[in-house]
């Protein structure tokens, strides 16, 4: 009479496919991130020509875009579980981060190339003045990026490094 009741567990058959896709996306992102780091390291050791590094970065962007679109397609599904949607949003953020890193590397390469051209065109003294100018620009950007809270703290605590304006003309 009192036989044990068997309760069937509800399964989300679609969620198994979603889980597999999420795993594939994470794996792909890790591979792309490794490719970026490897390409940068080879370039730093000068094992790779700059043109090859630029092509590697372009190839990475193509793969990243394909992966991002796959993730976006998944986000549009209505059968996502909460944990899956959270994981997917994390994956999308990882795509954005990697996209930024790739572009920052491209900017860095462009700066290096232009710096080498400039160095070849001007005297060593003129190049040093140019670098000093760049340093002042960096200080200005860092200052402009300070939040109001950081400025309030500098004013209140009186930390000399936060209040001090470095000399505009470095000693020669």
N, C-alpha and C. Protein backbone atom coordinates (compact mmCIF):
# COMPACT_ATOMS: atom_id res chain seq x y z
N UNK A 1 0.79 -1.18 0.00
CA UNK A 1 0.00 0.00 0.00
C UNK A 1 0.85 1.26 0.00
N UNK A 2 1.78 1.27 0.84
CA UNK A 2 2.64 2.44 0.91
C UNK A 2 3.93 2.19 0.12
N UNK A 3 3.77 1.91 -1.09
CA UNK A 3 4.94 1.68 -1.94
C UNK A 3 5.67 3.01 -2.16
N UNK A 4 6.99 2.96 -2.23
CA UNK A 4 7.74 4.20 -2.44
C UNK A 4 7.36 4.81 -3.80
N UNK A 5 7.21 6.08 -3.74
CA UNK A 5 6.85 6.79 -4.97
C UNK A 5 8.12 7.10 -5.73
N UNK A 6 8.04 6.96 -6.99
CA UNK A 6 9.17 7.29 -7.85
C UNK A 6 8.87 8.62 -8.52
N UNK A 7 9.71 9.57 -8.22
CA UNK A 7 9.53 10.90 -8.80
C UNK A 7 10.56 11.05 -9.92
N UNK A 8 10.07 11.32 -11.06
CA UNK A 8 10.97 11.51 -12.20
C UNK A 8 11.61 12.90 -12.12
N UNK A 9 12.91 12.93 -12.35
CA UNK A 9 13.59 14.21 -12.38
C UNK A 9 13.36 14.85 -13.74
N UNK A 10 13.09 16.13 -13.69
CA UNK A 10 12.93 16.86 -14.93
C UNK A 10 14.31 17.15 -15.51
N UNK A 11 14.46 16.85 -16.74
CA UNK A 11 15.72 17.14 -17.41
C UNK A 11 15.44 18.12 -18.53
N UNK A 12 16.42 18.93 -18.75
CA UNK A 12 16.34 19.87 -19.85
C UNK A 12 17.22 19.32 -20.97
N UNK A 13 16.62 18.59 -21.90
CA UNK A 13 17.45 17.98 -22.95
C UNK A 13 18.20 19.03 -23.77
N UNK A 14 17.60 20.18 -23.98
CA UNK A 14 18.27 21.22 -24.74
C UNK A 14 19.47 21.78 -23.96
N UNK A 15 19.37 21.78 -22.63
CA UNK A 15 20.42 22.38 -21.83
C UNK A 15 21.72 21.58 -21.92
N UNK A 16 21.63 20.29 -22.24
CA UNK A 16 22.86 19.52 -22.40
C UNK A 16 23.63 20.02 -23.61
N UNK A 17 22.94 20.34 -24.69
CA UNK A 17 23.60 20.90 -25.87
C UNK A 17 24.15 22.28 -25.57
N UNK A 18 23.43 23.06 -24.78
CA UNK A 18 23.89 24.39 -24.41
C UNK A 18 25.15 24.28 -23.57
N UNK A 19 25.16 23.35 -22.64
CA UNK A 19 26.34 23.17 -21.79
C UNK A 19 27.56 22.81 -22.63
N UNK A 20 27.35 21.95 -23.60
CA UNK A 20 28.47 21.55 -24.48
C UNK A 20 28.97 22.76 -25.29
N UNK A 21 28.05 23.57 -25.78
CA UNK A 21 28.44 24.75 -26.55
C UNK A 21 29.20 25.74 -25.67
N UNK A 22 28.73 25.93 -24.42
CA UNK A 22 29.43 26.82 -23.50
C UNK A 22 30.86 26.33 -23.25
N UNK A 23 31.01 25.03 -23.07
CA UNK A 23 32.33 24.45 -22.86
C UNK A 23 33.21 24.68 -24.08
N UNK A 24 32.64 24.48 -25.27
CA UNK A 24 33.40 24.71 -26.51
C UNK A 24 33.83 26.17 -26.62
N UNK A 25 32.94 27.10 -26.26
CA UNK A 25 33.27 28.52 -26.33
C UNK A 25 34.40 28.87 -25.38
N UNK A 26 34.33 28.36 -24.16
CA UNK A 26 35.39 28.63 -23.17
C UNK A 26 36.71 28.06 -23.66
N UNK A 27 36.67 26.86 -24.19
CA UNK A 27 37.89 26.24 -24.70
C UNK A 27 38.47 27.06 -25.86
N UNK A 28 37.62 27.50 -26.75
CA UNK A 28 38.07 28.32 -27.88
C UNK A 28 38.68 29.64 -27.43
N UNK A 29 38.08 30.27 -26.43
CA UNK A 29 38.63 31.52 -25.90
C UNK A 29 40.01 31.30 -25.29
N UNK A 30 40.15 30.21 -24.57
CA UNK A 30 41.47 29.91 -23.98
C UNK A 30 42.53 29.69 -25.06
N UNK A 31 42.13 29.01 -26.12
CA UNK A 31 43.07 28.80 -27.22
C UNK A 31 43.45 30.12 -27.89
N UNK A 32 42.47 30.99 -28.11
CA UNK A 32 42.76 32.28 -28.74
C UNK A 32 43.64 33.14 -27.84
N UNK A 33 43.37 33.10 -26.56
CA UNK A 33 44.18 33.86 -25.62
C UNK A 33 45.62 33.34 -25.62
N UNK A 34 45.78 32.03 -25.68
CA UNK A 34 47.12 31.44 -25.74
C UNK A 34 47.82 31.82 -27.04
N UNK A 35 47.08 31.84 -28.13
CA UNK A 35 47.67 32.26 -29.42
C UNK A 35 48.17 33.70 -29.34
N UNK A 36 47.39 34.56 -28.71
CA UNK A 36 47.80 35.96 -28.57
C UNK A 36 49.08 36.07 -27.75
N UNK A 37 49.11 35.42 -26.63
CA UNK A 37 50.29 35.49 -25.75
C UNK A 37 51.51 34.91 -26.47
N UNK A 38 51.32 33.80 -27.15
CA UNK A 38 52.43 33.17 -27.87
C UNK A 38 52.96 34.10 -28.97
N UNK A 39 52.05 34.72 -29.72
CA UNK A 39 52.45 35.63 -30.79
C UNK A 39 53.22 36.83 -30.23
N UNK A 40 52.75 37.36 -29.11
CA UNK A 40 53.42 38.51 -28.49
C UNK A 40 54.80 38.12 -27.99
N UNK A 41 54.89 36.96 -27.38
CA UNK A 41 56.20 36.50 -26.88
C UNK A 41 57.19 36.28 -28.02
N UNK A 42 56.73 35.69 -29.11
CA UNK A 42 57.61 35.49 -30.26
C UNK A 42 58.06 36.83 -30.82
N UNK A 43 57.16 37.77 -30.89
CA UNK A 43 57.51 39.10 -31.40
C UNK A 43 58.51 39.79 -30.47
N UNK A 44 58.33 39.62 -29.16
CA UNK A 44 59.23 40.25 -28.19
C UNK A 44 60.64 39.67 -28.32
N UNK A 45 60.73 38.40 -28.63
CA UNK A 45 62.05 37.76 -28.82
C UNK A 45 62.56 37.96 -30.24
N UNK A 46 61.76 38.64 -31.03
CA UNK A 46 62.08 38.91 -32.43
C UNK A 46 62.20 37.62 -33.24
N UNK A 47 61.43 36.59 -32.84
CA UNK A 47 61.36 35.34 -33.59
C UNK A 47 60.39 35.47 -34.77
N UNK A 48 59.56 36.50 -34.71
CA UNK A 48 58.52 36.71 -35.71
C UNK A 48 58.67 38.09 -36.31
N UNK A 49 58.50 38.18 -37.60
CA UNK A 49 58.53 39.48 -38.25
C UNK A 49 57.27 40.24 -37.89
N UNK A 50 57.34 41.57 -37.83
CA UNK A 50 56.15 42.36 -37.48
C UNK A 50 54.96 42.10 -38.41
N UNK A 51 55.24 41.88 -39.69
CA UNK A 51 54.16 41.61 -40.63
C UNK A 51 53.44 40.32 -40.28
N UNK A 52 54.21 39.31 -39.84
CA UNK A 52 53.60 38.04 -39.45
C UNK A 52 52.75 38.21 -38.18
N UNK A 53 53.25 39.01 -37.25
CA UNK A 53 52.49 39.25 -36.03
C UNK A 53 51.18 39.97 -36.35
N UNK A 54 51.23 40.94 -37.25
CA UNK A 54 50.02 41.65 -37.64
C UNK A 54 49.02 40.68 -38.27
N UNK A 55 49.52 39.78 -39.12
CA UNK A 55 48.62 38.79 -39.72
C UNK A 55 48.05 37.85 -38.67
N UNK A 56 48.87 37.45 -37.70
CA UNK A 56 48.38 36.59 -36.62
C UNK A 56 47.27 37.29 -35.83
N UNK A 57 47.46 38.58 -35.58
CA UNK A 57 46.44 39.33 -34.84
C UNK A 57 45.15 39.45 -35.67
N UNK A 58 45.29 39.66 -36.97
CA UNK A 58 44.10 39.72 -37.83
C UNK A 58 43.36 38.38 -37.83
N UNK A 59 44.11 37.30 -37.94
CA UNK A 59 43.50 35.97 -37.91
C UNK A 59 42.77 35.73 -36.59
N UNK A 60 43.39 36.20 -35.51
CA UNK A 60 42.76 36.07 -34.20
C UNK A 60 41.44 36.82 -34.15
N UNK A 61 41.42 38.02 -34.71
CA UNK A 61 40.18 38.81 -34.72
C UNK A 61 39.08 38.11 -35.51
N UNK A 62 39.43 37.48 -36.62
CA UNK A 62 38.44 36.74 -37.40
C UNK A 62 37.86 35.61 -36.57
N UNK A 63 38.73 34.85 -35.91
CA UNK A 63 38.26 33.74 -35.08
C UNK A 63 37.45 34.23 -33.89
N UNK A 64 37.90 35.33 -33.30
CA UNK A 64 37.18 35.89 -32.15
C UNK A 64 35.78 36.35 -32.55
N UNK A 65 35.67 36.98 -33.69
CA UNK A 65 34.36 37.43 -34.17
C UNK A 65 33.42 36.24 -34.41
N UNK A 66 33.94 35.18 -35.01
CA UNK A 66 33.13 33.98 -35.25
C UNK A 66 32.63 33.41 -33.92
N UNK A 67 33.52 33.32 -32.95
CA UNK A 67 33.16 32.80 -31.65
C UNK A 67 32.13 33.69 -30.95
N UNK A 68 32.33 35.00 -31.06
CA UNK A 68 31.40 35.95 -30.43
C UNK A 68 30.00 35.81 -31.02
N UNK A 69 29.92 35.68 -32.32
CA UNK A 69 28.60 35.52 -32.96
C UNK A 69 27.93 34.23 -32.51
N UNK A 70 28.72 33.19 -32.35
CA UNK A 70 28.17 31.91 -31.86
C UNK A 70 27.60 32.10 -30.45
N UNK A 71 28.33 32.83 -29.62
CA UNK A 71 27.87 33.09 -28.26
C UNK A 71 26.60 33.95 -28.27
N UNK A 72 26.57 34.96 -29.13
CA UNK A 72 25.38 35.81 -29.23
C UNK A 72 24.16 35.02 -29.67
N UNK A 73 24.35 34.11 -30.62
CA UNK A 73 23.24 33.26 -31.07
C UNK A 73 22.69 32.45 -29.91
N UNK A 74 23.59 31.97 -29.07
CA UNK A 74 23.17 31.18 -27.92
C UNK A 74 22.41 32.04 -26.92
N UNK A 75 22.82 33.28 -26.77
CA UNK A 75 22.17 34.18 -25.82
C UNK A 75 20.70 34.42 -26.19
N UNK A 76 20.40 34.33 -27.47
CA UNK A 76 19.03 34.55 -27.92
C UNK A 76 18.08 33.40 -27.63
N UNK A 77 18.59 32.31 -27.14
CA UNK A 77 17.72 31.15 -26.87
C UNK A 77 16.88 31.39 -25.62
N UNK A 78 15.70 30.83 -25.64
CA UNK A 78 14.78 30.99 -24.51
C UNK A 78 14.87 29.84 -23.52
N UNK A 79 15.60 28.81 -23.84
CA UNK A 79 15.66 27.65 -22.96
C UNK A 79 16.92 27.61 -22.09
N UNK A 80 17.54 28.78 -21.89
CA UNK A 80 18.74 28.82 -21.06
C UNK A 80 18.38 28.77 -19.58
N UNK A 81 19.16 28.03 -18.85
CA UNK A 81 19.04 28.04 -17.40
C UNK A 81 19.76 29.28 -16.88
N UNK A 82 19.45 29.68 -15.67
CA UNK A 82 20.06 30.87 -15.09
C UNK A 82 21.59 30.77 -15.08
N UNK A 83 22.11 29.65 -14.61
CA UNK A 83 23.56 29.47 -14.53
C UNK A 83 24.19 29.51 -15.92
N UNK A 84 23.48 28.97 -16.89
CA UNK A 84 24.02 29.00 -18.25
C UNK A 84 24.06 30.42 -18.80
N UNK A 85 23.02 31.18 -18.53
CA UNK A 85 23.01 32.56 -19.00
C UNK A 85 24.11 33.37 -18.33
N UNK A 86 24.33 33.15 -17.05
CA UNK A 86 25.40 33.85 -16.35
C UNK A 86 26.76 33.48 -16.93
N UNK A 87 26.96 32.21 -17.18
CA UNK A 87 28.22 31.75 -17.78
C UNK A 87 28.39 32.35 -19.17
N UNK A 88 27.32 32.43 -19.92
CA UNK A 88 27.37 32.99 -21.26
C UNK A 88 27.72 34.47 -21.22
N UNK A 89 27.18 35.19 -20.27
CA UNK A 89 27.52 36.61 -20.14
C UNK A 89 29.00 36.78 -19.78
N UNK A 90 29.52 35.88 -18.97
CA UNK A 90 30.94 35.90 -18.62
C UNK A 90 31.78 35.61 -19.87
N UNK A 91 31.34 34.69 -20.69
CA UNK A 91 32.03 34.36 -21.93
C UNK A 91 32.03 35.56 -22.88
N UNK A 92 30.90 36.24 -22.98
CA UNK A 92 30.82 37.43 -23.84
C UNK A 92 31.77 38.51 -23.34
N UNK A 93 31.87 38.66 -22.03
CA UNK A 93 32.79 39.66 -21.47
C UNK A 93 34.24 39.28 -21.76
N UNK A 94 34.53 38.00 -21.75
CA UNK A 94 35.88 37.52 -22.08
C UNK A 94 36.21 37.85 -23.54
N UNK A 95 35.22 37.73 -24.42
CA UNK A 95 35.41 38.12 -25.81
C UNK A 95 35.79 39.61 -25.92
N UNK A 96 35.08 40.43 -25.18
CA UNK A 96 35.34 41.87 -25.21
C UNK A 96 36.76 42.16 -24.71
N UNK A 97 37.12 41.51 -23.63
CA UNK A 97 38.46 41.70 -23.07
C UNK A 97 39.53 41.30 -24.08
N UNK A 98 39.36 40.16 -24.72
CA UNK A 98 40.35 39.68 -25.69
C UNK A 98 40.40 40.59 -26.91
N UNK A 99 39.26 41.09 -27.33
CA UNK A 99 39.19 42.03 -28.45
C UNK A 99 40.03 43.28 -28.13
N UNK A 100 39.86 43.78 -26.92
CA UNK A 100 40.65 44.95 -26.51
C UNK A 100 42.15 44.63 -26.49
N UNK A 101 42.51 43.50 -25.95
CA UNK A 101 43.92 43.12 -25.87
C UNK A 101 44.55 43.03 -27.26
N UNK A 102 43.84 42.45 -28.20
CA UNK A 102 44.36 42.32 -29.56
C UNK A 102 44.59 43.71 -30.16
N UNK A 103 43.62 44.60 -29.99
CA UNK A 103 43.76 45.94 -30.55
C UNK A 103 44.87 46.73 -29.84
N UNK A 104 44.99 46.57 -28.54
CA UNK A 104 46.08 47.25 -27.83
C UNK A 104 47.44 46.78 -28.34
N UNK A 105 47.53 45.52 -28.67
CA UNK A 105 48.79 45.00 -29.22
C UNK A 105 49.06 45.61 -30.59
N UNK A 106 48.01 45.78 -31.38
CA UNK A 106 48.18 46.42 -32.69
C UNK A 106 48.65 47.87 -32.53
N UNK A 107 48.07 48.58 -31.59
CA UNK A 107 48.50 49.96 -31.33
C UNK A 107 49.96 49.99 -30.90
N UNK A 108 50.33 49.08 -30.03
CA UNK A 108 51.71 49.01 -29.55
C UNK A 108 52.68 48.79 -30.70
N UNK A 109 52.32 47.87 -31.59
CA UNK A 109 53.19 47.61 -32.75
C UNK A 109 53.31 48.84 -33.64
N UNK A 110 52.22 49.53 -33.84
CA UNK A 110 52.26 50.74 -34.66
C UNK A 110 53.16 51.79 -34.03
N UNK A 111 53.04 51.95 -32.72
CA UNK A 111 53.90 52.92 -32.02
C UNK A 111 55.37 52.55 -32.16
N UNK A 112 55.68 51.27 -32.00
CA UNK A 112 57.07 50.83 -32.12
C UNK A 112 57.62 51.13 -33.51
N UNK A 113 56.82 50.85 -34.52
CA UNK A 113 57.26 51.07 -35.89
C UNK A 113 57.49 52.56 -36.14
N UNK A 114 56.56 53.39 -35.69
CA UNK A 114 56.70 54.83 -35.88
C UNK A 114 57.88 55.39 -35.07
N UNK A 115 58.07 54.87 -33.89
CA UNK A 115 59.20 55.31 -33.07
C UNK A 115 60.53 54.99 -33.75
N UNK A 116 60.62 53.82 -34.35
CA UNK A 116 61.84 53.44 -35.06
C UNK A 116 62.07 54.36 -36.26
N UNK A 117 61.00 54.69 -36.96
CA UNK A 117 61.12 55.61 -38.09
C UNK A 117 61.59 56.99 -37.61
N UNK A 118 60.99 57.47 -36.54
CA UNK A 118 61.35 58.78 -36.01
C UNK A 118 62.80 58.79 -35.54
N UNK A 119 63.20 57.75 -34.86
CA UNK A 119 64.57 57.66 -34.36
C UNK A 119 65.57 57.74 -35.52
N UNK A 120 65.23 57.13 -36.64
CA UNK A 120 66.12 57.14 -37.80
C UNK A 120 66.16 58.51 -38.46
N UNK A 121 65.13 59.33 -38.26
CA UNK A 121 65.01 60.61 -38.95
C UNK A 121 65.62 61.78 -38.18
N UNK A 122 65.67 61.70 -36.86
CA UNK A 122 66.10 62.85 -36.06
C UNK A 122 67.32 62.50 -35.22
N UNK A 123 67.94 63.55 -34.69
CA UNK A 123 69.11 63.34 -33.83
C UNK A 123 68.70 62.68 -32.51
N UNK A 124 69.68 62.15 -31.82
CA UNK A 124 69.43 61.51 -30.53
C UNK A 124 68.86 62.51 -29.52
N UNK A 125 69.37 63.74 -29.51
CA UNK A 125 68.87 64.77 -28.59
C UNK A 125 67.41 65.10 -28.88
N UNK A 126 67.07 65.25 -30.15
CA UNK A 126 65.68 65.55 -30.51
C UNK A 126 64.77 64.40 -30.11
N UNK A 127 65.26 63.18 -30.26
CA UNK A 127 64.45 62.02 -29.88
C UNK A 127 64.23 61.98 -28.37
N UNK A 128 65.24 62.35 -27.59
CA UNK A 128 65.09 62.39 -26.13
C UNK A 128 64.07 63.44 -25.72
N UNK A 129 64.08 64.59 -26.38
CA UNK A 129 63.09 65.63 -26.09
C UNK A 129 61.70 65.10 -26.41
N UNK A 130 61.58 64.42 -27.52
CA UNK A 130 60.29 63.83 -27.90
C UNK A 130 59.81 62.84 -26.84
N UNK A 131 60.72 62.00 -26.35
CA UNK A 131 60.34 61.04 -25.31
C UNK A 131 59.94 61.74 -24.02
N UNK A 132 60.62 62.83 -23.67
CA UNK A 132 60.23 63.61 -22.49
C UNK A 132 58.82 64.16 -22.67
N UNK A 133 58.54 64.64 -23.87
CA UNK A 133 57.20 65.15 -24.17
C UNK A 133 56.15 64.05 -24.02
N UNK A 134 56.47 62.87 -24.49
CA UNK A 134 55.55 61.73 -24.34
C UNK A 134 55.33 61.41 -22.86
N UNK A 135 56.40 61.50 -22.07
CA UNK A 135 56.27 61.23 -20.63
C UNK A 135 55.34 62.22 -19.95
N UNK A 136 55.43 63.50 -20.33
CA UNK A 136 54.53 64.51 -19.77
C UNK A 136 53.09 64.23 -20.19
N UNK A 137 52.90 63.80 -21.43
CA UNK A 137 51.55 63.43 -21.89
C UNK A 137 50.98 62.29 -21.05
N UNK A 138 51.82 61.31 -20.74
CA UNK A 138 51.37 60.18 -19.92
C UNK A 138 50.99 60.65 -18.52
N UNK A 139 51.80 61.53 -17.94
CA UNK A 139 51.48 62.07 -16.62
C UNK A 139 50.15 62.82 -16.65
N UNK A 140 49.94 63.59 -17.71
CA UNK A 140 48.70 64.34 -17.85
C UNK A 140 47.50 63.39 -17.96
N UNK A 141 47.63 62.33 -18.76
CA UNK A 141 46.54 61.36 -18.90
C UNK A 141 46.25 60.68 -17.56
N UNK A 142 47.31 60.33 -16.84
CA UNK A 142 47.12 59.68 -15.54
C UNK A 142 46.42 60.63 -14.57
N UNK A 143 46.79 61.90 -14.62
CA UNK A 143 46.14 62.88 -13.76
C UNK A 143 44.67 63.03 -14.13
N UNK A 144 44.38 63.13 -15.41
CA UNK A 144 43.00 63.31 -15.85
C UNK A 144 42.13 62.08 -15.55
N UNK A 145 42.76 60.92 -15.43
CA UNK A 145 42.02 59.69 -15.12
C UNK A 145 41.71 59.56 -13.64
N UNK A 146 42.30 60.40 -12.80
CA UNK A 146 42.02 60.33 -11.36
C UNK A 146 40.56 60.68 -11.09
N UNK A 147 39.98 59.94 -10.18
CA UNK A 147 38.59 60.20 -9.79
C UNK A 147 38.55 61.34 -8.79
N UNK A 148 37.38 61.91 -8.60
CA UNK A 148 37.22 62.96 -7.60
C UNK A 148 37.61 62.44 -6.22
N UNK A 149 37.30 61.19 -5.93
CA UNK A 149 37.62 60.61 -4.63
C UNK A 149 39.14 60.56 -4.43
N UNK A 150 39.89 60.23 -5.49
CA UNK A 150 41.34 60.19 -5.38
C UNK A 150 41.91 61.59 -5.14
N UNK A 151 41.34 62.59 -5.77
CA UNK A 151 41.81 63.96 -5.57
C UNK A 151 41.45 64.43 -4.18
N UNK A 152 40.24 64.10 -3.71
CA UNK A 152 39.85 64.44 -2.33
C UNK A 152 40.84 63.81 -1.34
N UNK A 153 41.19 62.54 -1.56
CA UNK A 153 42.11 61.85 -0.66
C UNK A 153 43.49 62.49 -0.70
N UNK A 154 43.95 62.87 -1.89
CA UNK A 154 45.27 63.51 -2.01
C UNK A 154 45.28 64.84 -1.28
N UNK A 155 44.21 65.59 -1.42
CA UNK A 155 44.14 66.89 -0.74
C UNK A 155 44.05 66.72 0.77
N UNK A 156 43.28 65.73 1.20
CA UNK A 156 43.08 65.53 2.63
C UNK A 156 44.33 64.96 3.29
N UNK A 157 44.94 63.95 2.67
CA UNK A 157 46.08 63.27 3.28
C UNK A 157 47.38 64.01 3.03
N UNK A 158 47.40 64.80 1.98
CA UNK A 158 48.60 65.57 1.68
C UNK A 158 49.79 64.73 1.29
N UNK A 159 49.54 63.59 0.65
CA UNK A 159 50.63 62.74 0.18
C UNK A 159 51.39 63.49 -0.90
N UNK A 160 52.68 63.77 -0.67
CA UNK A 160 53.43 64.60 -1.63
C UNK A 160 53.40 64.07 -3.06
N UNK A 161 53.48 62.77 -3.23
CA UNK A 161 53.48 62.23 -4.59
C UNK A 161 52.19 62.53 -5.32
N UNK A 162 51.07 62.59 -4.60
CA UNK A 162 49.79 62.87 -5.24
C UNK A 162 49.59 64.36 -5.50
N UNK A 163 50.27 65.20 -4.73
CA UNK A 163 50.10 66.63 -4.89
C UNK A 163 51.17 67.25 -5.77
N UNK A 164 52.32 66.60 -5.83
CA UNK A 164 53.47 67.17 -6.50
C UNK A 164 53.33 67.12 -8.01
N UNK A 165 53.69 68.21 -8.64
CA UNK A 165 53.75 68.24 -10.10
C UNK A 165 55.21 68.05 -10.46
N UNK A 166 55.53 66.99 -11.19
CA UNK A 166 56.93 66.76 -11.52
C UNK A 166 57.47 67.91 -12.37
N UNK A 167 58.76 68.13 -12.30
CA UNK A 167 59.34 69.22 -13.12
C UNK A 167 59.02 69.00 -14.59
N UNK A 168 58.63 70.06 -15.25
CA UNK A 168 58.30 69.95 -16.65
C UNK A 168 59.54 69.82 -17.52
N UNK A 169 60.63 70.36 -17.04
CA UNK A 169 61.87 70.24 -17.80
C UNK A 169 62.82 69.36 -17.02
N UNK A 170 62.97 68.11 -17.45
CA UNK A 170 63.86 67.19 -16.72
C UNK A 170 65.30 67.67 -16.81
N UNK A 171 66.09 67.43 -15.76
CA UNK A 171 67.49 67.86 -15.77
C UNK A 171 68.26 67.13 -16.86
N UNK A 172 69.19 67.85 -17.43
CA UNK A 172 70.03 67.27 -18.51
C UNK A 172 71.45 67.19 -18.03
